[in-house]
Amino acid sequence: MDKFKEYKREFTDEEMVRHAWDKEMIQNLISRFVLAWGNGDTAEAIESLWVREPEHTADASFATNTGFYVGLPEVSRHLVDERIAYEEETLRAFQEAVPGKYDSAEAGLGTTAMHSCTTPLLFISVDDKYARYLCYDLGLTGRGRPDGSAENYFEFSLLLIELVREADGFKIWHLVEQHDFSIESGKNYNDVNTFINGYDPAARFYGEPTVEKEVYDNQYGWEYLFYDMPRPFKTYDEDEGYGPKGKVGRKFYERLEML
């Protein structure tokens, strides 16, 4: 297999200061996005934190384990429309169980979510136009039921994020959420077999991607993390990027076939 395309160079003091500032701004942007994602404010987040220039919005993408949502409207369909449908379905169950009580309630009642971004790894390209970001999402999801019970999970995912510089700074361009596993709240982890075929509670959030394909196999996932994690790079390379045409999440033998 070809060795990684890795680039290093010396920077001037002025360039180092600019890179340090860019890194702070990128980490701030990602933190704002995962907070909005958990709070259900994804429509506003996509408007302000994702790419806006036409040459980037056309192939902007959000990926789950089972495929890519390609194009900013499709990203919005998944992160905004599908979430609203999920919240409305949950609220409807309460309204049907107790007629009249929840008629004025807003969608979101009975659901909760939280996303985080820990242990980040970030590199800005040598040409100063792109950035790649890796972090781990230690999150949770919850959904109440009219009978007073609930299904609650701790969710664990890798986030691989590619950003591009636009006129007003770096913006999210490609984001891959590689879901590792879920643990149901209140259960002993030793009693939860997260590695049997078909056990994936988070699959309810995968939706119907624009491009259906295996992006991440959570039974073997970390065997290929080494190949996808950010490292020094010269400029954007579609093959090595986190978009739908890249190798991200591919098994070793599939990468060989793409050389």
Protein backbone atom coordinates (compact mmCIF):
# COMPACT_ATOMS: atom_id res chain seq x y z
CA MET A 1 0.00 0.00 0.00
CA ASP A 2 1.31 3.47 -0.83
CA LYS A 3 2.60 5.37 2.15
CA PHE A 4 0.50 8.22 3.47
CA LYS A 5 0.65 11.58 1.74
CA GLU A 6 2.10 13.52 4.63
CA TYR A 7 3.62 16.98 4.38
CA LYS A 8 5.60 19.12 6.78
CA ARG A 9 7.18 22.55 6.46
CA GLU A 10 8.55 25.39 8.54
CA PHE A 11 6.20 28.31 9.27
CA THR A 12 6.98 31.96 9.88
CA ASP A 13 5.98 33.55 13.19
CA GLU A 14 3.09 35.32 11.45
CA GLU A 15 1.86 32.04 9.95
CA MET A 16 2.11 30.32 13.33
CA VAL A 17 0.00 33.02 14.96
CA ARG A 18 -2.63 32.74 12.22
CA HIS A 19 -2.72 28.95 12.51
CA ALA A 20 -3.06 29.16 16.30
CA TRP A 21 -6.01 31.53 15.88
CA ASP A 22 -7.57 29.33 13.18
CA LYS A 23 -7.33 26.30 15.45
CA GLU A 24 -9.09 28.13 18.25
CA MET A 25 -11.84 29.24 15.86
CA ILE A 26 -12.27 25.72 14.45
CA GLN A 27 -12.56 24.17 17.91
CA ASN A 28 -15.07 26.87 18.84
CA LEU A 29 -17.08 26.15 15.69
CA ILE A 30 -17.16 22.38 16.27
CA SER A 31 -18.16 22.88 19.91
CA ARG A 32 -21.02 25.15 18.84
CA PHE A 33 -22.18 22.58 16.31
CA VAL A 34 -22.28 19.57 18.67
CA LEU A 35 -24.11 21.70 21.26
CA ALA A 36 -26.71 22.75 18.68
CA TRP A 37 -26.95 19.14 17.45
CA GLY A 38 -27.88 17.92 20.91
CA ASN A 39 -30.28 20.81 21.54
CA GLY A 40 -32.14 20.32 18.27
CA ASP A 41 -30.98 23.67 16.86
CA THR A 42 -29.54 22.08 13.74
CA ALA A 43 -31.36 24.32 11.26
CA GLU A 44 -29.63 27.42 12.63
CA ALA A 45 -26.33 25.55 12.97
CA ILE A 46 -26.37 24.47 9.33
CA GLU A 47 -27.14 28.03 8.30
CA SER A 48 -24.26 29.56 10.26
CA LEU A 49 -21.63 26.83 10.72
CA TRP A 50 -21.74 24.78 7.51
CA VAL A 51 -20.47 25.78 4.07
CA ARG A 52 -22.46 28.41 2.17
CA GLU A 53 -20.55 28.88 -1.09
CA PRO A 54 -22.14 26.96 -4.04
CA GLU A 55 -18.95 25.11 -5.01
CA HIS A 56 -18.95 23.56 -1.52
CA THR A 57 -22.66 23.14 -0.74
CA ALA A 58 -23.15 20.83 -3.74
CA ASP A 59 -20.98 18.09 -2.24
CA ALA A 60 -21.27 18.89 1.45
CA SER A 61 -22.03 15.66 3.29
CA PHE A 62 -23.01 14.05 6.57
CA ALA A 63 -22.37 10.32 6.91
CA THR A 64 -23.73 7.69 9.26
CA ASN A 65 -22.66 4.05 9.45
CA THR A 66 -24.91 3.17 6.53
CA GLY A 67 -24.35 5.95 4.01
CA PHE A 68 -23.84 9.59 3.02
CA TYR A 69 -26.30 12.44 2.87
CA VAL A 70 -24.84 14.42 -0.04
CA GLY A 71 -25.51 18.09 -0.73
CA LEU A 72 -26.48 20.65 1.90
CA PRO A 73 -30.26 20.14 1.34
CA GLU A 74 -29.76 16.42 2.06
CA VAL A 75 -27.69 17.18 5.15
CA SER A 76 -30.57 19.37 6.31
CA ARG A 77 -33.09 16.64 5.49
CA HIS A 78 -31.30 14.30 7.86
CA LEU A 79 -30.25 16.62 10.67
CA VAL A 80 -33.36 18.80 10.64
CA ASP A 81 -36.34 17.15 8.90
CA GLU A 82 -35.77 13.59 10.11
CA ARG A 83 -35.22 14.80 13.66
CA ILE A 84 -38.46 16.81 13.58
CA ALA A 85 -40.32 13.72 12.33
CA TYR A 86 -38.83 11.68 15.19
CA GLU A 87 -39.88 14.29 17.76
CA GLU A 88 -43.37 14.60 16.29
CA GLU A 89 -43.80 10.82 16.40
CA THR A 90 -42.82 10.81 20.08
CA LEU A 91 -45.20 13.67 20.92
CA ARG A 92 -48.04 12.04 18.99
CA ALA A 93 -47.78 8.94 21.19
CA PHE A 94 -48.34 11.12 24.28
CA GLN A 95 -51.23 12.97 22.65
CA GLU A 96 -52.97 9.76 21.65
CA ALA A 97 -52.45 8.18 25.10
CA VAL A 98 -53.91 11.14 27.00
CA PRO A 99 -56.28 13.08 24.70
CA GLY A 100 -56.29 16.82 25.31
CA LYS A 101 -53.41 16.96 27.80
CA TYR A 102 -50.60 17.52 25.31
CA ASP A 103 -52.48 19.35 22.54
CA SER A 104 -50.45 22.54 23.01
CA ALA A 105 -47.11 20.81 23.62
CA GLU A 106 -44.28 21.42 21.19
CA ALA A 107 -42.37 18.70 19.33
CA GLY A 108 -39.41 17.66 21.45
CA LEU A 109 -41.44 16.72 24.51
CA GLY A 110 -40.33 13.29 25.64
CA THR A 111 -36.98 13.33 23.82
CA THR A 112 -33.49 14.36 24.84
CA ALA A 113 -30.03 14.19 23.31
CA MET A 114 -26.51 15.35 24.03
CA HIS A 115 -23.37 15.35 21.89
CA SER A 116 -19.81 16.17 22.91
CA CYS A 117 -16.43 16.50 21.25
CA THR A 118 -13.57 15.16 23.36
CA THR A 119 -9.85 14.48 22.75
CA PRO A 120 -9.68 16.49 19.51
CA LEU A 121 -6.98 16.09 16.87
CA LEU A 122 -6.74 18.89 14.31
CA PHE A 123 -4.53 19.69 11.32
CA ILE A 124 -4.77 22.64 8.94
CA SER A 125 -3.46 22.08 5.42
CA VAL A 126 -0.16 23.61 4.37
CA ASP A 127 -1.97 25.78 1.82
CA ASP A 128 -4.15 27.13 4.66
CA LYS A 129 -7.43 26.34 2.87
CA TYR A 130 -8.61 23.13 4.53
CA ALA A 131 -8.66 21.41 7.91
CA ARG A 132 -9.33 17.91 9.22
CA TYR A 133 -10.63 17.25 12.70
CA LEU A 134 -11.11 14.10 14.75
CA CYS A 135 -12.90 13.89 18.09
CA TYR A 136 -14.91 11.42 20.13
CA ASP A 137 -18.60 11.96 20.86
CA LEU A 138 -19.56 10.73 24.32
CA GLY A 139 -23.28 11.43 24.12
CA LEU A 140 -26.69 10.21 25.12
CA THR A 141 -30.20 9.90 23.74
CA GLY A 142 -33.48 9.45 25.54
CA ARG A 143 -37.09 8.88 24.54
CA GLY A 144 -39.96 8.80 26.99
CA ARG A 145 -43.15 6.77 26.71
CA PRO A 146 -46.67 7.72 27.83
CA ASP A 147 -46.68 4.94 30.46
CA GLY A 148 -43.81 6.64 32.30
CA SER A 149 -41.05 4.35 31.09
CA ALA A 150 -38.24 5.44 28.79
CA GLU A 151 -35.48 4.14 26.56
CA ASN A 152 -32.19 5.84 27.31
CA TYR A 153 -28.77 5.12 25.86
CA PHE A 154 -25.24 6.29 26.26
CA GLU A 155 -23.95 6.67 22.70
CA PHE A 156 -20.31 6.51 21.61
CA SER A 157 -19.17 7.72 18.20
CA LEU A 158 -16.12 8.94 16.33
CA LEU A 159 -16.53 12.23 14.47
CA LEU A 160 -14.32 12.83 11.43
CA ILE A 161 -14.81 16.39 10.19
CA GLU A 162 -13.40 18.15 7.14
CA LEU A 163 -13.57 21.94 6.94
CA VAL A 164 -12.90 24.43 4.15
CA ARG A 165 -12.07 28.11 4.41
CA GLU A 166 -14.73 30.42 2.96
CA ALA A 167 -14.86 34.21 2.85
CA ASP A 168 -15.85 34.46 6.52
CA GLY A 169 -13.64 31.68 7.87
CA PHE A 170 -13.59 27.89 8.15
CA LYS A 171 -16.90 26.06 7.75
CA ILE A 172 -17.96 22.42 8.13
CA TRP A 173 -17.90 20.67 4.74
CA HIS A 174 -17.88 16.91 5.35
CA LEU A 175 -18.80 15.19 8.62
CA VAL A 176 -18.69 11.45 9.26
CA GLU A 177 -20.31 10.09 12.42
CA GLN A 178 -18.95 6.59 12.99
CA HIS A 179 -21.16 5.11 15.70
CA ASP A 180 -19.28 2.59 17.80
CA PHE A 181 -21.87 1.29 20.27
CA SER A 182 -24.70 2.12 22.63
CA ILE A 183 -25.22 1.17 26.27
CA GLU A 184 -28.72 1.17 27.68
CA SER A 185 -28.93 3.27 30.85
CA GLY A 186 -29.23 1.31 34.08
CA LYS A 187 -27.75 -1.86 32.65
CA ASN A 188 -24.46 -3.48 33.54
CA TYR A 189 -22.17 -3.19 30.55
CA ASN A 190 -21.15 -6.82 31.02
CA ASP A 191 -24.76 -7.80 30.36
CA VAL A 192 -25.02 -5.83 27.12
CA ASN A 193 -23.60 -7.62 24.12
CA THR A 194 -22.76 -4.77 21.77
CA PHE A 195 -21.01 -6.93 19.21
CA ILE A 196 -23.65 -9.36 18.06
CA ASN A 197 -24.91 -8.95 14.53
CA GLY A 198 -27.88 -6.62 14.33
CA TYR A 199 -27.52 -5.04 17.77
CA ASP A 200 -27.31 -1.33 17.04
CA PRO A 201 -29.83 0.86 18.89
CA ALA A 202 -28.46 3.97 17.20
CA ALA A 203 -29.55 2.61 13.82
CA ARG A 204 -32.86 4.41 14.36
CA PHE A 205 -30.95 7.63 13.67
CA TYR A 206 -29.26 6.50 10.45
CA GLY A 207 -32.30 7.39 8.34
CA GLU A 208 -32.29 6.97 4.56
CA PRO A 209 -28.98 8.29 3.17
CA THR A 210 -28.65 9.73 -0.33
CA VAL A 211 -25.87 7.25 -1.06
CA GLU A 212 -26.37 3.96 0.76
CA LYS A 213 -23.16 2.09 1.51
CA GLU A 214 -21.26 0.75 4.46
CA VAL A 215 -19.32 3.69 5.82
CA TYR A 216 -18.45 2.11 9.13
CA ASP A 217 -18.70 -1.41 10.52
CA ASN A 218 -18.89 -1.00 14.28
CA GLN A 219 -17.88 -4.60 14.88
CA TYR A 220 -14.41 -3.96 13.43
CA GLY A 221 -14.27 -0.19 13.26
CA TRP A 222 -11.04 0.81 14.90
CA GLU A 223 -8.94 -1.42 12.68
CA TYR A 224 -9.13 1.34 10.07
CA LEU A 225 -9.12 4.41 12.31
CA PHE A 226 -5.36 4.66 11.81
CA TYR A 227 -5.84 5.26 8.09
CA ASP A 228 -8.49 7.97 8.49
CA MET A 229 -7.23 10.01 11.43
CA PRO A 230 -5.97 13.49 10.54
CA ARG A 231 -2.27 14.00 9.84
CA PRO A 232 -0.26 16.83 8.26
CA PHE A 233 -1.43 17.37 4.66
CA LYS A 234 -0.66 19.77 1.82
CA THR A 235 -4.12 20.45 0.43
CA TYR A 236 -7.50 18.82 -0.18
CA ASP A 237 -7.35 15.34 -1.68
CA GLU A 238 -10.75 13.84 -2.51
CA ASP A 239 -9.37 10.32 -2.16
CA GLU A 240 -8.09 10.94 1.38
CA GLY A 241 -10.93 13.28 2.41
CA TYR A 242 -14.05 12.63 4.46
CA GLY A 243 -16.54 13.06 1.62
CA PRO A 244 -18.51 10.31 -0.16
CA LYS A 245 -15.79 9.74 -2.79
CA GLY A 246 -13.01 9.14 -0.27
CA LYS A 247 -11.71 6.04 1.45
CA VAL A 248 -13.03 7.00 4.87
CA GLY A 249 -14.23 3.99 6.85
CA ARG A 250 -13.22 1.50 4.17
CA LYS A 251 -11.77 -1.83 5.15
CA PHE A 252 -8.13 -2.47 4.34
CA TYR A 253 -8.78 -4.70 1.34
CA GLU A 254 -11.25 -2.16 -0.09
CA ARG A 255 -8.61 0.54 0.13
CA LEU A 256 -6.22 -1.64 -1.84
CA GLU A 257 -8.82 -1.98 -4.58
CA MET A 258 -9.09 1.83 -4.78
CA LEU A 259 -5.36 2.42 -5.34
